[in-house]
């Protein structure tokens, strides 16, 4: 009810300009070359440090580095805006933090979406439940964290993550 009233109010106040960033994660799990699991998780998972990093990058204020790394984890607690790292980042079994392929994609208008993609090859068993986008190969600032349905890897499995950040104006 409140959301409906808010939407009606926004329509009547055209001078209000809203800009936002959402996120979308596409998880693909392959075994012996065959896709065995795929899920898409949408939402709003940028964290406070990530929003500050966006402001830094836009204004060249503090010189924050670009977000180009993806990290996987085993933590399953809900995302909290005050998160600054994954709950339990994976550093072994071939699933450690990696430099992603970074592109701009089109969701609503040309080049409005930041996209990071990486495909890992597992060298052992892990139960993966979380991902984070970072601006450094180790530590660094986390832009966002997303929790997804657990996937369990086996030796030689491939895990491909496509993490998108569409920017929108309403």
C-alpha atoms as a PDB file:
ATOM      1  CA  UNK A   1       0.000   0.000   0.000  1.00  0.00           C
ATOM      2  CA  UNK A   2       2.727   2.472   0.980  1.00  0.00           C
ATOM      3  CA  UNK A   3       4.812   1.544  -2.058  1.00  0.00           C
ATOM      4  CA  UNK A   4       1.816   2.173  -4.333  1.00  0.00           C
ATOM      5  CA  UNK A   5       1.215   5.589  -2.760  1.00  0.00           C
ATOM      6  CA  UNK A   6       4.898   6.456  -3.074  1.00  0.00           C
ATOM      7  CA  UNK A   7       4.901   5.511  -6.772  1.00  0.00           C
ATOM      8  CA  UNK A   8       1.824   7.695  -7.353  1.00  0.00           C
ATOM      9  CA  UNK A   9       3.474  10.597  -5.534  1.00  0.00           C
ATOM     10  CA  UNK A  10       6.650  10.250  -7.593  1.00  0.00           C
ATOM     11  CA  UNK A  11       4.600  10.378 -10.809  1.00  0.00           C
ATOM     12  CA  UNK A  12       2.994  13.637  -9.655  1.00  0.00           C
ATOM     13  CA  UNK A  13       6.324  15.227  -8.729  1.00  0.00           C
ATOM     14  CA  UNK A  14       8.295  15.146 -11.993  1.00  0.00           C
ATOM     15  CA  UNK A  15      11.011  17.419 -10.640  1.00  0.00           C
ATOM     16  CA  UNK A  16      12.275  14.596  -8.374  1.00  0.00           C
ATOM     17  CA  UNK A  17      15.183  12.860 -10.089  1.00  0.00           C
ATOM     18  CA  UNK A  18      16.298   9.517  -8.722  1.00  0.00           C
ATOM     19  CA  UNK A  19      19.471   7.722  -9.721  1.00  0.00           C
ATOM     20  CA  UNK A  20      20.264   4.277  -8.455  1.00  0.00           C
ATOM     21  CA  UNK A  21      22.391   1.183  -8.862  1.00  0.00           C
ATOM     22  CA  UNK A  22      21.017  -2.323  -8.661  1.00  0.00           C
ATOM     23  CA  UNK A  23      22.766  -5.608  -9.278  1.00  0.00           C
ATOM     24  CA  UNK A  24      22.145  -8.873 -11.044  1.00  0.00           C
ATOM     25  CA  UNK A  25      24.151 -12.062 -10.709  1.00  0.00           C
ATOM     26  CA  UNK A  26      24.102 -14.931 -13.182  1.00  0.00           C
ATOM     27  CA  UNK A  27      25.570 -18.128 -11.706  1.00  0.00           C
ATOM     28  CA  UNK A  28      26.465 -20.961 -14.091  1.00  0.00           C
ATOM     29  CA  UNK A  29      27.899 -24.264 -12.851  1.00  0.00           C
ATOM     30  CA  UNK A  30      29.366 -26.699 -15.392  1.00  0.00           C
ATOM     31  CA  UNK A  31      30.437 -30.306 -14.876  1.00  0.00           C
ATOM     32  CA  UNK A  32      32.194 -32.234 -17.657  1.00  0.00           C
ATOM     33  CA  UNK A  33      31.275 -29.464 -20.077  1.00  0.00           C
ATOM     34  CA  UNK A  34      27.547 -29.548 -19.316  1.00  0.00           C
ATOM     35  CA  UNK A  35      25.577 -26.845 -17.562  1.00  0.00           C
ATOM     36  CA  UNK A  36      24.230 -28.474 -14.387  1.00  0.00           C
ATOM     37  CA  UNK A  37      22.930 -25.411 -12.581  1.00  0.00           C
ATOM     38  CA  UNK A  38      21.989 -21.856 -13.481  1.00  0.00           C
ATOM     39  CA  UNK A  39      20.410 -19.162 -11.379  1.00  0.00           C
ATOM     40  CA  UNK A  40      19.793 -15.451 -11.719  1.00  0.00           C
ATOM     41  CA  UNK A  41      19.666 -13.341  -8.577  1.00  0.00           C
ATOM     42  CA  UNK A  42      18.541  -9.716  -8.811  1.00  0.00           C
ATOM     43  CA  UNK A  43      18.350  -7.119  -6.117  1.00  0.00           C
ATOM     44  CA  UNK A  44      20.066  -4.235  -4.481  1.00  0.00           C
ATOM     45  CA  UNK A  45      23.300  -5.359  -2.873  1.00  0.00           C
ATOM     46  CA  UNK A  46      25.761  -2.479  -3.198  1.00  0.00           C
ATOM     47  CA  UNK A  47      27.265  -1.818   0.219  1.00  0.00           C
ATOM     48  CA  UNK A  48      28.066   1.516   1.867  1.00  0.00           C
ATOM     49  CA  UNK A  49      31.779   1.335   1.009  1.00  0.00           C
ATOM     50  CA  UNK A  50      30.820   0.584  -2.586  1.00  0.00           C
ATOM     51  CA  UNK A  51      28.607   3.644  -2.833  1.00  0.00           C
ATOM     52  CA  UNK A  52      31.438   5.775  -1.452  1.00  0.00           C
ATOM     53  CA  UNK A  53      33.790   4.190  -4.002  1.00  0.00           C
ATOM     54  CA  UNK A  54      31.388   5.173  -6.808  1.00  0.00           C
ATOM     55  CA  UNK A  55      31.420   8.772  -5.590  1.00  0.00           C
ATOM     56  CA  UNK A  56      35.239   8.692  -5.406  1.00  0.00           C
ATOM     57  CA  UNK A  57      35.532   7.343  -8.949  1.00  0.00           C
ATOM     58  CA  UNK A  58      33.002   9.798 -10.414  1.00  0.00           C
ATOM     59  CA  UNK A  59      34.610  12.832  -8.852  1.00  0.00           C
ATOM     60  CA  UNK A  60      38.220  11.645  -8.749  1.00  0.00           C
ATOM     61  CA  UNK A  61      38.075  12.684  -5.098  1.00  0.00           C
ATOM     62  CA  UNK A  62      40.057   9.988  -3.313  1.00  0.00           C
ATOM     63  CA  UNK A  63      41.436   8.144  -6.319  1.00  0.00           C
ATOM     64  CA  UNK A  64      39.732   4.820  -5.586  1.00  0.00           C
ATOM     65  CA  UNK A  65      40.779   2.064  -7.987  1.00  0.00           C
ATOM     66  CA  UNK A  66      38.333   0.599 -10.506  1.00  0.00           C
ATOM     67  CA  UNK A  67      36.255  -2.445  -9.550  1.00  0.00           C
ATOM     68  CA  UNK A  68      37.744  -5.284 -11.606  1.00  0.00           C
ATOM     69  CA  UNK A  69      37.946  -8.296  -9.260  1.00  0.00           C
ATOM     70  CA  UNK A  70      35.454 -10.984  -8.290  1.00  0.00           C
ATOM     71  CA  UNK A  71      35.757 -13.128  -5.177  1.00  0.00           C
ATOM     72  CA  UNK A  72      33.748 -16.183  -4.173  1.00  0.00           C
ATOM     73  CA  UNK A  73      32.863 -17.206  -0.638  1.00  0.00           C
ATOM     74  CA  UNK A  74      31.102 -19.786   1.474  1.00  0.00           C
ATOM     75  CA  UNK A  75      29.233 -17.417   3.803  1.00  0.00           C
ATOM     76  CA  UNK A  76      25.454 -17.466   3.772  1.00  0.00           C
ATOM     77  CA  UNK A  77      24.445 -14.601   6.048  1.00  0.00           C
ATOM     78  CA  UNK A  78      22.269 -11.937   4.464  1.00  0.00           C
ATOM     79  CA  UNK A  79      23.897  -8.930   2.864  1.00  0.00           C
ATOM     80  CA  UNK A  80      24.190  -5.951   5.188  1.00  0.00           C
ATOM     81  CA  UNK A  81      24.951  -2.452   3.857  1.00  0.00           C
ATOM     82  CA  UNK A  82      27.822  -2.217   6.354  1.00  0.00           C
ATOM     83  CA  UNK A  83      29.602  -5.307   4.945  1.00  0.00           C
ATOM     84  CA  UNK A  84      33.165  -4.548   3.864  1.00  0.00           C
ATOM     85  CA  UNK A  85      34.254  -8.086   2.901  1.00  0.00           C
ATOM     86  CA  UNK A  86      32.809 -11.499   2.169  1.00  0.00           C
ATOM     87  CA  UNK A  87      31.866 -13.535   5.229  1.00  0.00           C
ATOM     88  CA  UNK A  88      34.251 -16.359   4.241  1.00  0.00           C
ATOM     89  CA  UNK A  89      36.274 -15.681   1.092  1.00  0.00           C
ATOM     90  CA  UNK A  90      37.625 -18.739  -0.739  1.00  0.00           C
ATOM     91  CA  UNK A  91      41.387 -18.649  -1.324  1.00  0.00           C
ATOM     92  CA  UNK A  92      42.044 -22.224  -2.471  1.00  0.00           C
ATOM     93  CA  UNK A  93      40.713 -25.019  -4.733  1.00  0.00           C
ATOM     94  CA  UNK A  94      41.208 -22.866  -7.840  1.00  0.00           C
ATOM     95  CA  UNK A  95      38.421 -20.538  -6.719  1.00  0.00           C
ATOM     96  CA  UNK A  96      40.427 -17.598  -5.346  1.00  0.00           C
ATOM     97  CA  UNK A  97      39.739 -13.939  -6.153  1.00  0.00           C
ATOM     98  CA  UNK A  98      40.346 -13.204  -9.826  1.00  0.00           C
ATOM     99  CA  UNK A  99      40.622 -10.324 -12.277  1.00  0.00           C
ATOM    100  CA  UNK A 100      37.375 -10.308 -14.242  1.00  0.00           C
ATOM    101  CA  UNK A 101      36.646  -9.283 -17.789  1.00  0.00           C
ATOM    102  CA  UNK A 102      35.043  -5.866 -17.355  1.00  0.00           C
ATOM    103  CA  UNK A 103      32.730  -4.313 -19.919  1.00  0.00           C
ATOM    104  CA  UNK A 104      29.931  -1.788 -20.212  1.00  0.00           C
ATOM    105  CA  UNK A 105      26.655  -3.272 -21.398  1.00  0.00           C
ATOM    106  CA  UNK A 106      23.276  -1.842 -22.302  1.00  0.00           C
ATOM    107  CA  UNK A 107      20.276  -2.534 -20.060  1.00  0.00           C
ATOM    108  CA  UNK A 108      18.045   0.512 -20.648  1.00  0.00           C
ATOM    109  CA  UNK A 109      20.285   3.082 -22.307  1.00  0.00           C
ATOM    110  CA  UNK A 110      23.628   2.694 -24.041  1.00  0.00           C
ATOM    111  CA  UNK A 111      26.446   1.611 -21.691  1.00  0.00           C
ATOM    112  CA  UNK A 112      24.414   2.009 -18.470  1.00  0.00           C
ATOM    113  CA  UNK A 113      25.611  -1.285 -16.953  1.00  0.00           C
ATOM    114  CA  UNK A 114      28.969  -2.311 -15.488  1.00  0.00           C
ATOM    115  CA  UNK A 115      29.536  -6.050 -16.079  1.00  0.00           C
ATOM    116  CA  UNK A 116      32.210  -8.292 -14.563  1.00  0.00           C
ATOM    117  CA  UNK A 117      32.626 -11.866 -15.811  1.00  0.00           C
ATOM    118  CA  UNK A 118      34.973 -14.629 -14.722  1.00  0.00           C
ATOM    119  CA  UNK A 119      35.020 -18.418 -15.056  1.00  0.00           C
ATOM    120  CA  UNK A 120      36.901 -20.436 -12.447  1.00  0.00           C
ATOM    121  CA  UNK A 121      38.017 -24.076 -12.691  1.00  0.00           C
ATOM    122  CA  UNK A 122      37.669 -25.850  -9.360  1.00  0.00           C
ATOM    123  CA  UNK A 123      40.429 -28.149  -8.127  1.00  0.00           C
ATOM    124  CA  UNK A 124      38.384 -29.543  -5.260  1.00  0.00           C
ATOM    125  CA  UNK A 125      35.131 -29.482  -3.358  1.00  0.00           C
ATOM    126  CA  UNK A 126      33.667 -26.188  -2.092  1.00  0.00           C
ATOM    127  CA  UNK A 127      30.165 -25.081  -1.207  1.00  0.00           C
ATOM    128  CA  UNK A 128      29.835 -21.601  -2.706  1.00  0.00           C
ATOM    129  CA  UNK A 129      27.172 -19.167  -1.485  1.00  0.00           C
ATOM    130  CA  UNK A 130      28.432 -15.591  -1.911  1.00  0.00           C
ATOM    131  CA  UNK A 131      30.250 -13.304  -4.316  1.00  0.00           C
ATOM    132  CA  UNK A 132      31.795  -9.870  -3.989  1.00  0.00           C
ATOM    133  CA  UNK A 133      33.073  -7.281  -6.459  1.00  0.00           C
ATOM    134  CA  UNK A 134      36.293  -5.543  -5.370  1.00  0.00           C
ATOM    135  CA  UNK A 135      38.791  -2.950  -6.544  1.00  0.00           C
ATOM    136  CA  UNK A 136      41.937  -4.890  -5.578  1.00  0.00           C
ATOM    137  CA  UNK A 137      43.500  -8.346  -5.915  1.00  0.00           C
ATOM    138  CA  UNK A 138      43.606  -8.607  -2.116  1.00  0.00           C
ATOM    139  CA  UNK A 139      41.622  -6.683   0.509  1.00  0.00           C
ATOM    140  CA  UNK A 140      40.532  -3.486  -1.279  1.00  0.00           C
ATOM    141  CA  UNK A 141      37.100  -1.905  -1.274  1.00  0.00           C
ATOM    142  CA  UNK A 142      34.012  -4.021  -1.888  1.00  0.00           C
ATOM    143  CA  UNK A 143      31.415  -2.524  -4.228  1.00  0.00           C
ATOM    144  CA  UNK A 144      28.758  -5.156  -3.537  1.00  0.00           C
ATOM    145  CA  UNK A 145      28.123  -8.561  -2.037  1.00  0.00           C
ATOM    146  CA  UNK A 146      25.455 -11.021  -3.140  1.00  0.00           C
ATOM    147  CA  UNK A 147      24.304 -14.288  -1.566  1.00  0.00           C
ATOM    148  CA  UNK A 148      22.879 -17.010  -3.823  1.00  0.00           C
ATOM    149  CA  UNK A 149      21.639 -20.615  -3.595  1.00  0.00           C
ATOM    150  CA  UNK A 150      24.551 -22.877  -2.690  1.00  0.00           C
ATOM    151  CA  UNK A 151      26.446 -24.739  -5.373  1.00  0.00           C
ATOM    152  CA  UNK A 152      28.876 -27.535  -4.553  1.00  0.00           C
ATOM    153  CA  UNK A 153      31.891 -27.861  -6.809  1.00  0.00           C
ATOM    154  CA  UNK A 154      33.836 -30.998  -7.646  1.00  0.00           C
ATOM    155  CA  UNK A 155      37.332 -31.277  -9.092  1.00  0.00           C
ATOM    156  CA  UNK A 156      37.435 -29.826 -12.671  1.00  0.00           C
ATOM    157  CA  UNK A 157      33.991 -28.160 -12.416  1.00  0.00           C
ATOM    158  CA  UNK A 158      33.711 -24.708 -13.948  1.00  0.00           C
ATOM    159  CA  UNK A 159      31.900 -21.866 -12.223  1.00  0.00           C
ATOM    160  CA  UNK A 160      31.068 -18.825 -14.343  1.00  0.00           C
ATOM    161  CA  UNK A 161      29.840 -15.665 -12.676  1.00  0.00           C
ATOM    162  CA  UNK A 162      28.409 -12.677 -14.503  1.00  0.00           C
ATOM    163  CA  UNK A 163      27.890  -9.811 -12.077  1.00  0.00           C
ATOM    164  CA  UNK A 164      26.048  -6.796 -13.519  1.00  0.00           C
ATOM    165  CA  UNK A 165      25.460  -3.340 -12.075  1.00  0.00           C
ATOM    166  CA  UNK A 166      22.833  -1.422 -14.055  1.00  0.00           C
ATOM    167  CA  UNK A 167      22.570   2.287 -13.275  1.00  0.00           C
ATOM    168  CA  UNK A 168      19.059   3.670 -13.580  1.00  0.00           C
ATOM    169  CA  UNK A 169      17.258   6.982 -13.480  1.00  0.00           C
ATOM    170  CA  UNK A 170      13.620   7.187 -12.481  1.00  0.00           C
END
